[in-house]
Amino acid sequence: MEQYPRRLLTVVTEAVLERDLLGELEALGVRGYTITDARGRGSRGTRQSDWAQDGNIRIEIVCEPALAARVAARLRERYYDHYAMILFMQDVSVLRPEKF
């Protein structure tokens, strides 16, 4: 079974940014993503809320490494200074490269 290298970019940030981030991802050429609700604790304290707009989301994007780097650079540039956001990347392998 052949495997193809890709990069997984994970973004954990404030739910209020979801609409803006999806516009950014589309403009940058991201073809797909997964969004889930997220709770946790970090440098800004505990983030859990009963009100969806006050919580966190986790966005996972599997794509070519160059695209992951462009997306990460744009998000850092536009959001890091004003919002709670972390980004991390992992090398992954996919079985259907045409989907990514």
N, C-alpha and C. Protein backbone atom coordinates (compact mmCIF):
# COMPACT_ATOMS: atom_id res chain seq x y z
N MET A 1 0.85 -1.16 0.00
CA MET A 1 0.00 0.00 0.00
C MET A 1 0.90 1.24 0.00
N GLU A 2 0.76 2.05 -1.02
CA GLU A 2 1.59 3.25 -1.14
C GLU A 2 1.04 4.37 -0.25
N GLN A 3 1.97 5.09 0.37
CA GLN A 3 1.62 6.22 1.22
C GLN A 3 2.27 7.49 0.66
N TYR A 4 1.62 8.62 0.89
CA TYR A 4 2.07 9.88 0.34
C TYR A 4 2.25 10.89 1.48
N PRO A 5 3.39 11.58 1.50
CA PRO A 5 3.65 12.51 2.61
C PRO A 5 2.81 13.79 2.49
N ARG A 6 2.28 14.20 3.60
CA ARG A 6 1.56 15.47 3.72
C ARG A 6 1.89 16.05 5.10
N ARG A 7 1.36 17.22 5.38
CA ARG A 7 1.55 17.85 6.68
C ARG A 7 0.19 18.10 7.31
N LEU A 8 0.10 17.83 8.61
CA LEU A 8 -1.10 18.13 9.39
C LEU A 8 -0.83 19.42 10.16
N LEU A 9 -1.59 20.46 9.84
CA LEU A 9 -1.52 21.72 10.57
C LEU A 9 -2.73 21.77 11.49
N THR A 10 -2.48 21.94 12.78
CA THR A 10 -3.54 22.05 13.77
C THR A 10 -3.56 23.46 14.32
N VAL A 11 -4.74 24.04 14.35
CA VAL A 11 -4.95 25.39 14.89
C VAL A 11 -5.93 25.27 16.04
N VAL A 12 -5.54 25.74 17.21
CA VAL A 12 -6.46 25.80 18.35
C VAL A 12 -6.61 27.28 18.69
N THR A 13 -7.85 27.77 18.64
CA THR A 13 -8.06 29.20 18.83
C THR A 13 -9.48 29.48 19.31
N GLU A 14 -9.79 30.75 19.43
CA GLU A 14 -11.08 31.20 19.91
C GLU A 14 -12.17 30.95 18.87
N ALA A 15 -13.30 30.42 19.31
CA ALA A 15 -14.41 30.08 18.41
C ALA A 15 -14.93 31.30 17.65
N VAL A 16 -14.81 32.46 18.22
CA VAL A 16 -15.31 33.67 17.58
C VAL A 16 -14.60 33.94 16.24
N LEU A 17 -13.43 33.36 16.04
CA LEU A 17 -12.67 33.55 14.81
C LEU A 17 -13.06 32.60 13.67
N GLU A 18 -13.92 31.65 13.93
CA GLU A 18 -14.18 30.59 12.95
C GLU A 18 -14.52 31.13 11.56
N ARG A 19 -15.45 32.02 11.45
CA ARG A 19 -15.86 32.52 10.14
C ARG A 19 -14.69 33.20 9.41
N ASP A 20 -13.96 34.05 10.12
CA ASP A 20 -12.81 34.73 9.50
C ASP A 20 -11.74 33.74 9.06
N LEU A 21 -11.47 32.74 9.91
CA LEU A 21 -10.44 31.76 9.57
C LEU A 21 -10.83 30.93 8.36
N LEU A 22 -12.09 30.57 8.25
CA LEU A 22 -12.52 29.79 7.10
C LEU A 22 -12.35 30.59 5.81
N GLY A 23 -12.59 31.88 5.85
CA GLY A 23 -12.34 32.74 4.70
C GLY A 23 -10.86 32.78 4.35
N GLU A 24 -10.01 32.88 5.36
CA GLU A 24 -8.55 32.87 5.14
C GLU A 24 -8.11 31.56 4.50
N LEU A 25 -8.60 30.44 5.04
CA LEU A 25 -8.20 29.13 4.53
C LEU A 25 -8.61 28.97 3.07
N GLU A 26 -9.82 29.38 2.75
CA GLU A 26 -10.28 29.27 1.37
C GLU A 26 -9.43 30.14 0.44
N ALA A 27 -9.16 31.37 0.87
CA ALA A 27 -8.36 32.28 0.04
C ALA A 27 -6.95 31.75 -0.20
N LEU A 28 -6.42 31.01 0.75
CA LEU A 28 -5.07 30.45 0.64
C LEU A 28 -5.03 29.15 -0.16
N GLY A 29 -6.20 28.59 -0.47
CA GLY A 29 -6.24 27.37 -1.28
C GLY A 29 -6.40 26.08 -0.52
N VAL A 30 -6.78 26.14 0.75
CA VAL A 30 -7.03 24.93 1.53
C VAL A 30 -8.27 24.25 0.98
N ARG A 31 -8.16 22.95 0.69
CA ARG A 31 -9.27 22.20 0.07
C ARG A 31 -10.20 21.56 1.07
N GLY A 32 -9.75 21.33 2.29
CA GLY A 32 -10.60 20.70 3.29
C GLY A 32 -10.01 20.86 4.67
N TYR A 33 -10.86 20.67 5.68
CA TYR A 33 -10.45 20.82 7.08
C TYR A 33 -11.49 20.14 7.95
N THR A 34 -11.13 19.95 9.19
CA THR A 34 -12.05 19.43 10.20
C THR A 34 -12.04 20.40 11.36
N ILE A 35 -13.22 20.74 11.86
CA ILE A 35 -13.33 21.65 13.00
C ILE A 35 -14.06 20.92 14.13
N THR A 36 -13.49 20.99 15.33
CA THR A 36 -14.13 20.43 16.52
C THR A 36 -14.07 21.46 17.64
N ASP A 37 -14.98 21.33 18.60
CA ASP A 37 -14.92 22.16 19.79
C ASP A 37 -13.74 21.71 20.64
N ALA A 38 -13.14 22.64 21.35
CA ALA A 38 -11.96 22.31 22.17
C ALA A 38 -12.06 23.00 23.52
N ARG A 39 -11.56 22.33 24.54
CA ARG A 39 -11.45 22.88 25.89
C ARG A 39 -10.06 22.60 26.38
N GLY A 40 -9.59 23.39 27.32
CA GLY A 40 -8.28 23.11 27.87
C GLY A 40 -7.74 24.24 28.71
N ARG A 41 -6.47 24.13 29.03
CA ARG A 41 -5.80 25.13 29.84
C ARG A 41 -4.47 25.45 29.18
N GLY A 42 -4.11 26.72 29.17
CA GLY A 42 -2.86 27.16 28.59
C GLY A 42 -2.39 28.43 29.25
N SER A 43 -1.57 29.17 28.53
CA SER A 43 -0.98 30.39 29.09
C SER A 43 -2.03 31.44 29.44
N ARG A 44 -3.19 31.37 28.85
CA ARG A 44 -4.25 32.34 29.13
C ARG A 44 -5.30 31.77 30.08
N GLY A 45 -4.96 30.67 30.76
CA GLY A 45 -5.87 30.08 31.74
C GLY A 45 -6.75 29.00 31.13
N THR A 46 -7.78 28.63 31.86
CA THR A 46 -8.70 27.59 31.43
C THR A 46 -9.72 28.16 30.47
N ARG A 47 -9.93 27.45 29.35
CA ARG A 47 -10.91 27.88 28.36
C ARG A 47 -12.00 26.82 28.26
N GLN A 48 -13.10 27.08 28.93
CA GLN A 48 -14.28 26.26 28.73
C GLN A 48 -15.47 27.13 29.02
N SER A 49 -16.47 27.00 28.20
CA SER A 49 -17.60 27.90 28.33
C SER A 49 -18.87 27.21 27.88
N ASP A 50 -19.96 27.62 28.46
CA ASP A 50 -21.26 27.12 28.02
C ASP A 50 -21.78 27.90 26.82
N TRP A 51 -21.15 29.02 26.53
CA TRP A 51 -21.55 29.84 25.39
C TRP A 51 -20.59 29.58 24.26
N ALA A 52 -21.07 29.08 23.13
CA ALA A 52 -20.21 28.60 22.05
C ALA A 52 -19.22 29.65 21.56
N GLN A 53 -19.62 30.91 21.49
CA GLN A 53 -18.73 31.95 20.97
C GLN A 53 -17.58 32.27 21.92
N ASP A 54 -17.67 31.83 23.15
CA ASP A 54 -16.62 32.12 24.13
C ASP A 54 -15.67 30.94 24.29
N GLY A 55 -15.92 29.84 23.59
CA GLY A 55 -15.09 28.65 23.70
C GLY A 55 -13.96 28.64 22.69
N ASN A 56 -13.36 27.49 22.52
CA ASN A 56 -12.27 27.29 21.57
C ASN A 56 -12.68 26.29 20.51
N ILE A 57 -12.00 26.37 19.38
CA ILE A 57 -12.16 25.38 18.33
C ILE A 57 -10.78 24.83 17.96
N ARG A 58 -10.80 23.66 17.36
CA ARG A 58 -9.58 23.02 16.85
C ARG A 58 -9.83 22.77 15.37
N ILE A 59 -8.97 23.33 14.54
CA ILE A 59 -9.07 23.15 13.09
C ILE A 59 -7.89 22.30 12.66
N GLU A 60 -8.17 21.20 11.96
CA GLU A 60 -7.12 20.32 11.45
C GLU A 60 -7.15 20.34 9.93
N ILE A 61 -5.97 20.58 9.35
CA ILE A 61 -5.83 20.70 7.91
C ILE A 61 -4.71 19.75 7.47
N VAL A 62 -5.01 18.84 6.55
CA VAL A 62 -4.00 17.97 5.97
C VAL A 62 -3.76 18.49 4.55
N CYS A 63 -2.51 18.82 4.26
CA CYS A 63 -2.22 19.43 2.96
C CYS A 63 -0.73 19.28 2.63
N GLU A 64 -0.34 19.82 1.49
CA GLU A 64 1.07 19.84 1.11
C GLU A 64 1.85 20.69 2.11
N PRO A 65 3.09 20.32 2.40
CA PRO A 65 3.89 21.08 3.38
C PRO A 65 4.01 22.57 3.07
N ALA A 66 4.16 22.94 1.81
CA ALA A 66 4.30 24.35 1.45
C ALA A 66 3.02 25.13 1.79
N LEU A 67 1.87 24.54 1.55
CA LEU A 67 0.61 25.19 1.87
C LEU A 67 0.46 25.33 3.39
N ALA A 68 0.81 24.30 4.12
CA ALA A 68 0.74 24.38 5.59
C ALA A 68 1.61 25.52 6.11
N ALA A 69 2.78 25.70 5.53
CA ALA A 69 3.67 26.78 5.95
C ALA A 69 3.06 28.15 5.62
N ARG A 70 2.44 28.29 4.45
CA ARG A 70 1.81 29.56 4.08
C ARG A 70 0.64 29.89 5.00
N VAL A 71 -0.17 28.89 5.30
CA VAL A 71 -1.32 29.10 6.18
C VAL A 71 -0.83 29.51 7.57
N ALA A 72 0.14 28.78 8.10
CA ALA A 72 0.66 29.09 9.44
C ALA A 72 1.23 30.50 9.49
N ALA A 73 1.97 30.89 8.47
CA ALA A 73 2.56 32.23 8.44
C ALA A 73 1.47 33.30 8.43
N ARG A 74 0.44 33.10 7.63
CA ARG A 74 -0.65 34.09 7.56
C ARG A 74 -1.39 34.20 8.89
N LEU A 75 -1.69 33.05 9.51
CA LEU A 75 -2.42 33.09 10.77
C LEU A 75 -1.59 33.74 11.88
N ARG A 76 -0.30 33.43 11.91
CA ARG A 76 0.57 34.07 12.90
C ARG A 76 0.59 35.58 12.70
N GLU A 77 0.72 35.99 11.45
CA GLU A 77 0.80 37.42 11.13
C GLU A 77 -0.47 38.18 11.51
N ARG A 78 -1.62 37.58 11.23
CA ARG A 78 -2.88 38.30 11.41
C ARG A 78 -3.53 38.13 12.77
N TYR A 79 -3.26 37.01 13.50
CA TYR A 79 -4.04 36.72 14.69
C TYR A 79 -3.25 36.55 15.99
N TYR A 80 -1.99 36.16 15.91
CA TYR A 80 -1.23 35.83 17.12
C TYR A 80 -1.20 36.96 18.15
N ASP A 81 -1.08 38.19 17.71
CA ASP A 81 -0.93 39.30 18.66
C ASP A 81 -2.21 39.66 19.39
N HIS A 82 -3.37 39.25 18.86
CA HIS A 82 -4.63 39.74 19.43
C HIS A 82 -5.58 38.64 19.91
N TYR A 83 -5.26 37.39 19.63
CA TYR A 83 -6.17 36.30 20.00
C TYR A 83 -5.38 35.14 20.60
N ALA A 84 -6.07 34.35 21.41
CA ALA A 84 -5.47 33.11 21.91
C ALA A 84 -5.43 32.13 20.74
N MET A 85 -4.23 31.71 20.35
CA MET A 85 -4.10 30.80 19.20
C MET A 85 -2.79 30.05 19.32
N ILE A 86 -2.84 28.76 19.07
CA ILE A 86 -1.61 27.98 18.92
C ILE A 86 -1.69 27.23 17.59
N LEU A 87 -0.54 27.01 17.02
CA LEU A 87 -0.41 26.27 15.78
C LEU A 87 0.65 25.21 15.98
N PHE A 88 0.41 24.02 15.46
CA PHE A 88 1.47 23.03 15.42
C PHE A 88 1.31 22.15 14.20
N MET A 89 2.44 21.60 13.74
CA MET A 89 2.45 20.79 12.52
C MET A 89 3.07 19.43 12.80
N GLN A 90 2.58 18.45 12.06
CA GLN A 90 3.11 17.09 12.13
C GLN A 90 3.19 16.53 10.72
N ASP A 91 4.22 15.75 10.46
CA ASP A 91 4.29 15.03 9.19
C ASP A 91 3.37 13.82 9.27
N VAL A 92 2.56 13.64 8.23
CA VAL A 92 1.63 12.50 8.17
C VAL A 92 1.73 11.86 6.80
N SER A 93 1.18 10.67 6.67
CA SER A 93 1.08 9.98 5.38
C SER A 93 -0.39 9.75 5.08
N VAL A 94 -0.75 9.92 3.81
CA VAL A 94 -2.12 9.67 3.38
C VAL A 94 -2.14 8.58 2.34
N LEU A 95 -3.28 7.95 2.17
CA LEU A 95 -3.42 6.87 1.20
C LEU A 95 -4.09 7.32 -0.08
N ARG A 96 -4.82 8.45 -0.02
CA ARG A 96 -5.50 8.99 -1.19
C ARG A 96 -5.03 10.44 -1.41
N PRO A 97 -3.90 10.63 -2.07
CA PRO A 97 -3.32 11.96 -2.18
C PRO A 97 -4.18 12.97 -2.94
N GLU A 98 -5.06 12.49 -3.80
CA GLU A 98 -5.89 13.40 -4.58
C GLU A 98 -6.88 14.19 -3.71
N LYS A 99 -7.10 13.73 -2.50
CA LYS A 99 -8.03 14.42 -1.58
C LYS A 99 -7.37 15.57 -0.85
N PHE A 100 -6.03 15.67 -0.93
CA PHE A 100 -5.31 16.67 -0.14
C PHE A 100 -4.50 17.56 -1.04
